[in-house]
Amino acid sequence: MDTNSIDIIGKRVDGGIDLVIIVPDVLEDSEELQSQLLDKIENYLNYIKGAEFKKDFPGISSDNIFIKLKLRVEPSERLLKWLDEIKRWVESSGVKLLV
């Protein structure tokens, strides 16, 4: 997983923005993979807060920005609980995380 790039970004018909993270492998209980995913989410959040995003998408409020996590395989129950914690962290910055 390349933590330093945006996988997909698109403007929705309602004027909002979707930033998509594609997890190409099975999301395992691996600390390394979880750390990479956290780094990638943090980079998305930094991009959203940055000048480039504001220039490319002026006037978009954070409550109309979604980070979508696309998983190839349904994660374990333990990982779903972990993702719920991550969701709360992301949403504390005003952005929604959809799994």
N, C-alpha and C. Protein backbone atom coordinates (compact mmCIF):
# COMPACT_ATOMS: atom_id res chain seq x y z
N MET A 1 0.85 -1.17 0.00
CA MET A 1 0.00 0.00 0.00
C MET A 1 0.89 1.24 0.00
N ASP A 2 0.67 2.09 -1.00
CA ASP A 2 1.43 3.34 -1.08
C ASP A 2 0.75 4.36 -0.18
N THR A 3 1.40 4.68 0.92
CA THR A 3 0.78 5.58 1.91
C THR A 3 0.88 7.05 1.52
N ASN A 4 1.66 7.36 0.49
CA ASN A 4 1.89 8.76 0.13
C ASN A 4 1.10 9.23 -1.09
N SER A 5 0.12 8.45 -1.52
CA SER A 5 -0.65 8.87 -2.69
C SER A 5 -2.14 8.74 -2.41
N ILE A 6 -2.91 9.51 -3.16
CA ILE A 6 -4.37 9.41 -3.12
C ILE A 6 -4.75 8.38 -4.18
N ASP A 7 -5.48 7.34 -3.79
CA ASP A 7 -5.85 6.29 -4.74
C ASP A 7 -6.85 6.81 -5.77
N ILE A 8 -7.96 7.36 -5.28
CA ILE A 8 -9.00 7.91 -6.16
C ILE A 8 -9.59 9.14 -5.48
N ILE A 9 -9.84 10.18 -6.27
CA ILE A 9 -10.53 11.36 -5.74
C ILE A 9 -11.57 11.77 -6.78
N GLY A 10 -12.76 12.10 -6.31
CA GLY A 10 -13.79 12.51 -7.24
C GLY A 10 -14.80 13.43 -6.61
N LYS A 11 -15.40 14.25 -7.44
CA LYS A 11 -16.43 15.16 -6.98
C LYS A 11 -17.79 14.50 -7.22
N ARG A 12 -18.62 14.48 -6.18
CA ARG A 12 -19.95 13.89 -6.28
C ARG A 12 -20.93 14.89 -6.90
N VAL A 13 -22.05 14.38 -7.41
CA VAL A 13 -23.06 15.25 -8.02
C VAL A 13 -23.67 16.21 -7.00
N ASP A 14 -23.62 15.85 -5.71
CA ASP A 14 -24.15 16.77 -4.69
C ASP A 14 -23.15 17.85 -4.30
N GLY A 15 -21.97 17.87 -4.98
CA GLY A 15 -20.97 18.88 -4.70
C GLY A 15 -19.92 18.45 -3.69
N GLY A 16 -20.11 17.29 -3.08
CA GLY A 16 -19.14 16.80 -2.12
C GLY A 16 -17.96 16.13 -2.80
N ILE A 17 -17.00 15.74 -1.99
CA ILE A 17 -15.78 15.11 -2.49
C ILE A 17 -15.62 13.75 -1.83
N ASP A 18 -15.25 12.74 -2.63
CA ASP A 18 -14.90 11.41 -2.12
C ASP A 18 -13.43 11.17 -2.38
N LEU A 19 -12.73 10.76 -1.35
CA LEU A 19 -11.36 10.30 -1.48
C LEU A 19 -11.38 8.82 -1.10
N VAL A 20 -10.90 7.97 -1.99
CA VAL A 20 -11.03 6.53 -1.81
C VAL A 20 -9.67 5.91 -1.52
N ILE A 21 -9.65 5.03 -0.53
CA ILE A 21 -8.48 4.22 -0.23
C ILE A 21 -8.83 2.80 -0.64
N ILE A 22 -8.03 2.25 -1.52
CA ILE A 22 -8.24 0.87 -1.96
C ILE A 22 -7.24 -0.02 -1.25
N VAL A 23 -7.75 -0.98 -0.50
CA VAL A 23 -6.89 -1.95 0.18
C VAL A 23 -6.83 -3.17 -0.73
N PRO A 24 -5.72 -3.35 -1.46
CA PRO A 24 -5.66 -4.41 -2.47
C PRO A 24 -5.55 -5.82 -1.90
N ASP A 25 -5.09 -5.91 -0.67
CA ASP A 25 -4.92 -7.21 -0.04
C ASP A 25 -5.96 -7.40 1.05
N VAL A 26 -6.00 -8.57 1.59
CA VAL A 26 -6.87 -8.84 2.73
C VAL A 26 -6.36 -7.99 3.90
N LEU A 27 -7.26 -7.28 4.54
CA LEU A 27 -6.88 -6.47 5.71
C LEU A 27 -6.75 -7.41 6.89
N GLU A 28 -5.52 -7.73 7.22
CA GLU A 28 -5.25 -8.71 8.26
C GLU A 28 -5.04 -8.04 9.60
N ASP A 29 -4.90 -8.86 10.62
CA ASP A 29 -4.61 -8.36 11.96
C ASP A 29 -3.12 -8.01 12.09
N SER A 30 -2.51 -7.63 11.01
CA SER A 30 -1.09 -7.31 10.98
C SER A 30 -0.88 -5.88 11.45
N GLU A 31 0.00 -5.69 12.41
CA GLU A 31 0.29 -4.34 12.89
C GLU A 31 0.90 -3.49 11.78
N GLU A 32 1.69 -4.12 10.91
CA GLU A 32 2.32 -3.38 9.81
C GLU A 32 1.27 -2.82 8.86
N LEU A 33 0.31 -3.65 8.47
CA LEU A 33 -0.74 -3.20 7.56
C LEU A 33 -1.63 -2.15 8.23
N GLN A 34 -1.94 -2.33 9.48
CA GLN A 34 -2.75 -1.35 10.20
C GLN A 34 -2.02 -0.02 10.29
N SER A 35 -0.71 -0.07 10.53
CA SER A 35 0.09 1.15 10.61
C SER A 35 0.11 1.86 9.25
N GLN A 36 0.25 1.08 8.17
CA GLN A 36 0.23 1.67 6.83
C GLN A 36 -1.11 2.34 6.55
N LEU A 37 -2.19 1.68 6.95
CA LEU A 37 -3.52 2.24 6.72
C LEU A 37 -3.70 3.53 7.52
N LEU A 38 -3.25 3.55 8.75
CA LEU A 38 -3.32 4.78 9.55
C LEU A 38 -2.52 5.90 8.91
N ASP A 39 -1.31 5.58 8.42
CA ASP A 39 -0.49 6.58 7.75
C ASP A 39 -1.20 7.13 6.52
N LYS A 40 -1.82 6.26 5.76
CA LYS A 40 -2.52 6.68 4.54
C LYS A 40 -3.70 7.58 4.89
N ILE A 41 -4.49 7.20 5.89
CA ILE A 41 -5.62 8.03 6.32
C ILE A 41 -5.13 9.39 6.80
N GLU A 42 -4.06 9.38 7.57
CA GLU A 42 -3.51 10.65 8.06
C GLU A 42 -3.04 11.54 6.90
N ASN A 43 -2.44 10.94 5.88
CA ASN A 43 -2.03 11.71 4.71
C ASN A 43 -3.24 12.28 3.97
N TYR A 44 -4.34 11.52 3.90
CA TYR A 44 -5.57 12.03 3.29
C TYR A 44 -6.08 13.23 4.08
N LEU A 45 -6.08 13.12 5.40
CA LEU A 45 -6.56 14.22 6.24
C LEU A 45 -5.68 15.46 6.07
N ASN A 46 -4.36 15.25 6.01
CA ASN A 46 -3.45 16.38 5.80
C ASN A 46 -3.69 17.03 4.45
N TYR A 47 -3.94 16.23 3.42
CA TYR A 47 -4.24 16.77 2.09
C TYR A 47 -5.52 17.61 2.13
N ILE A 48 -6.54 17.09 2.80
CA ILE A 48 -7.82 17.81 2.90
C ILE A 48 -7.65 19.16 3.59
N LYS A 49 -6.75 19.22 4.58
CA LYS A 49 -6.52 20.46 5.31
C LYS A 49 -5.57 21.42 4.59
N GLY A 50 -4.91 20.94 3.53
CA GLY A 50 -3.87 21.71 2.88
C GLY A 50 -4.35 22.68 1.82
N ALA A 51 -3.40 23.51 1.37
CA ALA A 51 -3.68 24.55 0.38
C ALA A 51 -4.04 23.97 -0.98
N GLU A 52 -3.41 22.87 -1.38
CA GLU A 52 -3.68 22.28 -2.69
C GLU A 52 -5.14 21.84 -2.80
N PHE A 53 -5.66 21.21 -1.74
CA PHE A 53 -7.05 20.77 -1.75
C PHE A 53 -7.98 21.97 -1.85
N LYS A 54 -7.70 23.00 -1.06
CA LYS A 54 -8.53 24.21 -1.07
C LYS A 54 -8.51 24.89 -2.44
N LYS A 55 -7.36 24.82 -3.12
CA LYS A 55 -7.25 25.40 -4.46
C LYS A 55 -8.04 24.56 -5.47
N ASP A 56 -7.90 23.24 -5.39
CA ASP A 56 -8.57 22.35 -6.34
C ASP A 56 -10.08 22.26 -6.11
N PHE A 57 -10.50 22.37 -4.85
CA PHE A 57 -11.91 22.21 -4.50
C PHE A 57 -12.35 23.35 -3.57
N PRO A 58 -12.40 24.57 -4.10
CA PRO A 58 -12.75 25.71 -3.23
C PRO A 58 -14.18 25.61 -2.72
N GLY A 59 -14.36 26.04 -1.50
CA GLY A 59 -15.70 26.13 -0.94
C GLY A 59 -16.30 24.82 -0.45
N ILE A 60 -15.55 23.74 -0.48
CA ILE A 60 -16.07 22.46 0.01
C ILE A 60 -15.88 22.42 1.53
N SER A 61 -16.96 22.25 2.25
CA SER A 61 -16.85 22.15 3.71
C SER A 61 -16.52 20.71 4.11
N SER A 62 -15.82 20.56 5.22
CA SER A 62 -15.35 19.24 5.63
C SER A 62 -16.50 18.26 5.87
N ASP A 63 -17.69 18.76 6.20
CA ASP A 63 -18.80 17.84 6.44
C ASP A 63 -19.36 17.26 5.14
N ASN A 64 -18.82 17.70 4.00
CA ASN A 64 -19.23 17.15 2.70
C ASN A 64 -18.07 16.42 2.02
N ILE A 65 -17.11 15.96 2.86
CA ILE A 65 -15.96 15.20 2.36
C ILE A 65 -16.00 13.82 3.00
N PHE A 66 -15.91 12.80 2.17
CA PHE A 66 -15.89 11.42 2.64
C PHE A 66 -14.57 10.76 2.26
N ILE A 67 -13.98 10.04 3.20
CA ILE A 67 -12.90 9.12 2.90
C ILE A 67 -13.55 7.75 2.88
N LYS A 68 -13.46 7.08 1.75
CA LYS A 68 -14.08 5.76 1.61
C LYS A 68 -13.01 4.69 1.56
N LEU A 69 -13.18 3.70 2.39
CA LEU A 69 -12.24 2.58 2.46
C LEU A 69 -12.84 1.40 1.71
N LYS A 70 -12.21 1.02 0.60
CA LYS A 70 -12.68 -0.09 -0.22
C LYS A 70 -11.85 -1.33 0.11
N LEU A 71 -12.51 -2.32 0.68
CA LEU A 71 -11.85 -3.56 1.08
C LEU A 71 -12.20 -4.68 0.11
N ARG A 72 -11.22 -5.48 -0.20
CA ARG A 72 -11.44 -6.61 -1.11
C ARG A 72 -12.21 -7.73 -0.43
N VAL A 73 -11.95 -7.91 0.86
CA VAL A 73 -12.56 -8.99 1.64
C VAL A 73 -13.06 -8.40 2.96
N GLU A 74 -14.18 -8.89 3.42
CA GLU A 74 -14.74 -8.45 4.72
C GLU A 74 -13.70 -8.70 5.83
N PRO A 75 -13.39 -7.67 6.61
CA PRO A 75 -12.41 -7.85 7.70
C PRO A 75 -12.99 -8.64 8.86
N SER A 76 -12.09 -9.11 9.71
CA SER A 76 -12.50 -9.85 10.90
C SER A 76 -13.27 -8.93 11.85
N GLU A 77 -13.96 -9.53 12.79
CA GLU A 77 -14.72 -8.76 13.79
C GLU A 77 -13.80 -7.83 14.57
N ARG A 78 -12.62 -8.33 14.90
CA ARG A 78 -11.63 -7.53 15.64
C ARG A 78 -11.21 -6.30 14.84
N LEU A 79 -10.99 -6.49 13.54
CA LEU A 79 -10.61 -5.36 12.70
C LEU A 79 -11.76 -4.38 12.49
N LEU A 80 -12.97 -4.89 12.45
CA LEU A 80 -14.13 -3.98 12.34
C LEU A 80 -14.22 -3.08 13.56
N LYS A 81 -13.93 -3.62 14.73
CA LYS A 81 -13.93 -2.80 15.96
C LYS A 81 -12.83 -1.76 15.89
N TRP A 82 -11.65 -2.16 15.40
CA TRP A 82 -10.54 -1.23 15.24
C TRP A 82 -10.91 -0.12 14.25
N LEU A 83 -11.56 -0.50 13.16
CA LEU A 83 -11.97 0.49 12.16
C LEU A 83 -13.01 1.46 12.72
N ASP A 84 -13.85 0.99 13.63
CA ASP A 84 -14.80 1.89 14.29
C ASP A 84 -14.07 2.96 15.10
N GLU A 85 -12.97 2.57 15.75
CA GLU A 85 -12.16 3.54 16.50
C GLU A 85 -11.53 4.55 15.54
N ILE A 86 -11.03 4.05 14.42
CA ILE A 86 -10.41 4.93 13.42
C ILE A 86 -11.47 5.88 12.86
N LYS A 87 -12.66 5.37 12.65
CA LYS A 87 -13.75 6.20 12.14
C LYS A 87 -14.02 7.38 13.08
N ARG A 88 -14.04 7.13 14.37
CA ARG A 88 -14.27 8.22 15.33
C ARG A 88 -13.13 9.24 15.27
N TRP A 89 -11.90 8.75 15.12
CA TRP A 89 -10.74 9.64 15.02
C TRP A 89 -10.86 10.54 13.78
N VAL A 90 -11.19 9.95 12.63
CA VAL A 90 -11.32 10.71 11.39
C VAL A 90 -12.45 11.72 11.52
N GLU A 91 -13.58 11.28 12.06
CA GLU A 91 -14.74 12.16 12.16
C GLU A 91 -14.53 13.29 13.15
N SER A 92 -13.56 13.15 14.06
CA SER A 92 -13.26 14.24 14.98
C SER A 92 -12.66 15.44 14.23
N SER A 93 -12.17 15.21 13.00
CA SER A 93 -11.65 16.30 12.18
C SER A 93 -12.71 16.86 11.24
N GLY A 94 -13.94 16.33 11.34
CA GLY A 94 -15.03 16.84 10.53
C GLY A 94 -15.26 16.10 9.22
N VAL A 95 -14.41 15.12 8.92
CA VAL A 95 -14.52 14.33 7.69
C VAL A 95 -15.15 13.00 8.04
N LYS A 96 -15.93 12.45 7.12
CA LYS A 96 -16.56 11.15 7.37
C LYS A 96 -15.73 10.03 6.76
N LEU A 97 -15.63 8.92 7.49
CA LEU A 97 -14.96 7.71 6.99
C LEU A 97 -16.02 6.65 6.78
N LEU A 98 -16.10 6.13 5.56
CA LEU A 98 -17.05 5.08 5.22
C LEU A 98 -16.28 3.81 4.90
N VAL A 99 -16.69 2.72 5.55
CA VAL A 99 -16.03 1.42 5.32
C VAL A 99 -17.01 0.51 4.60
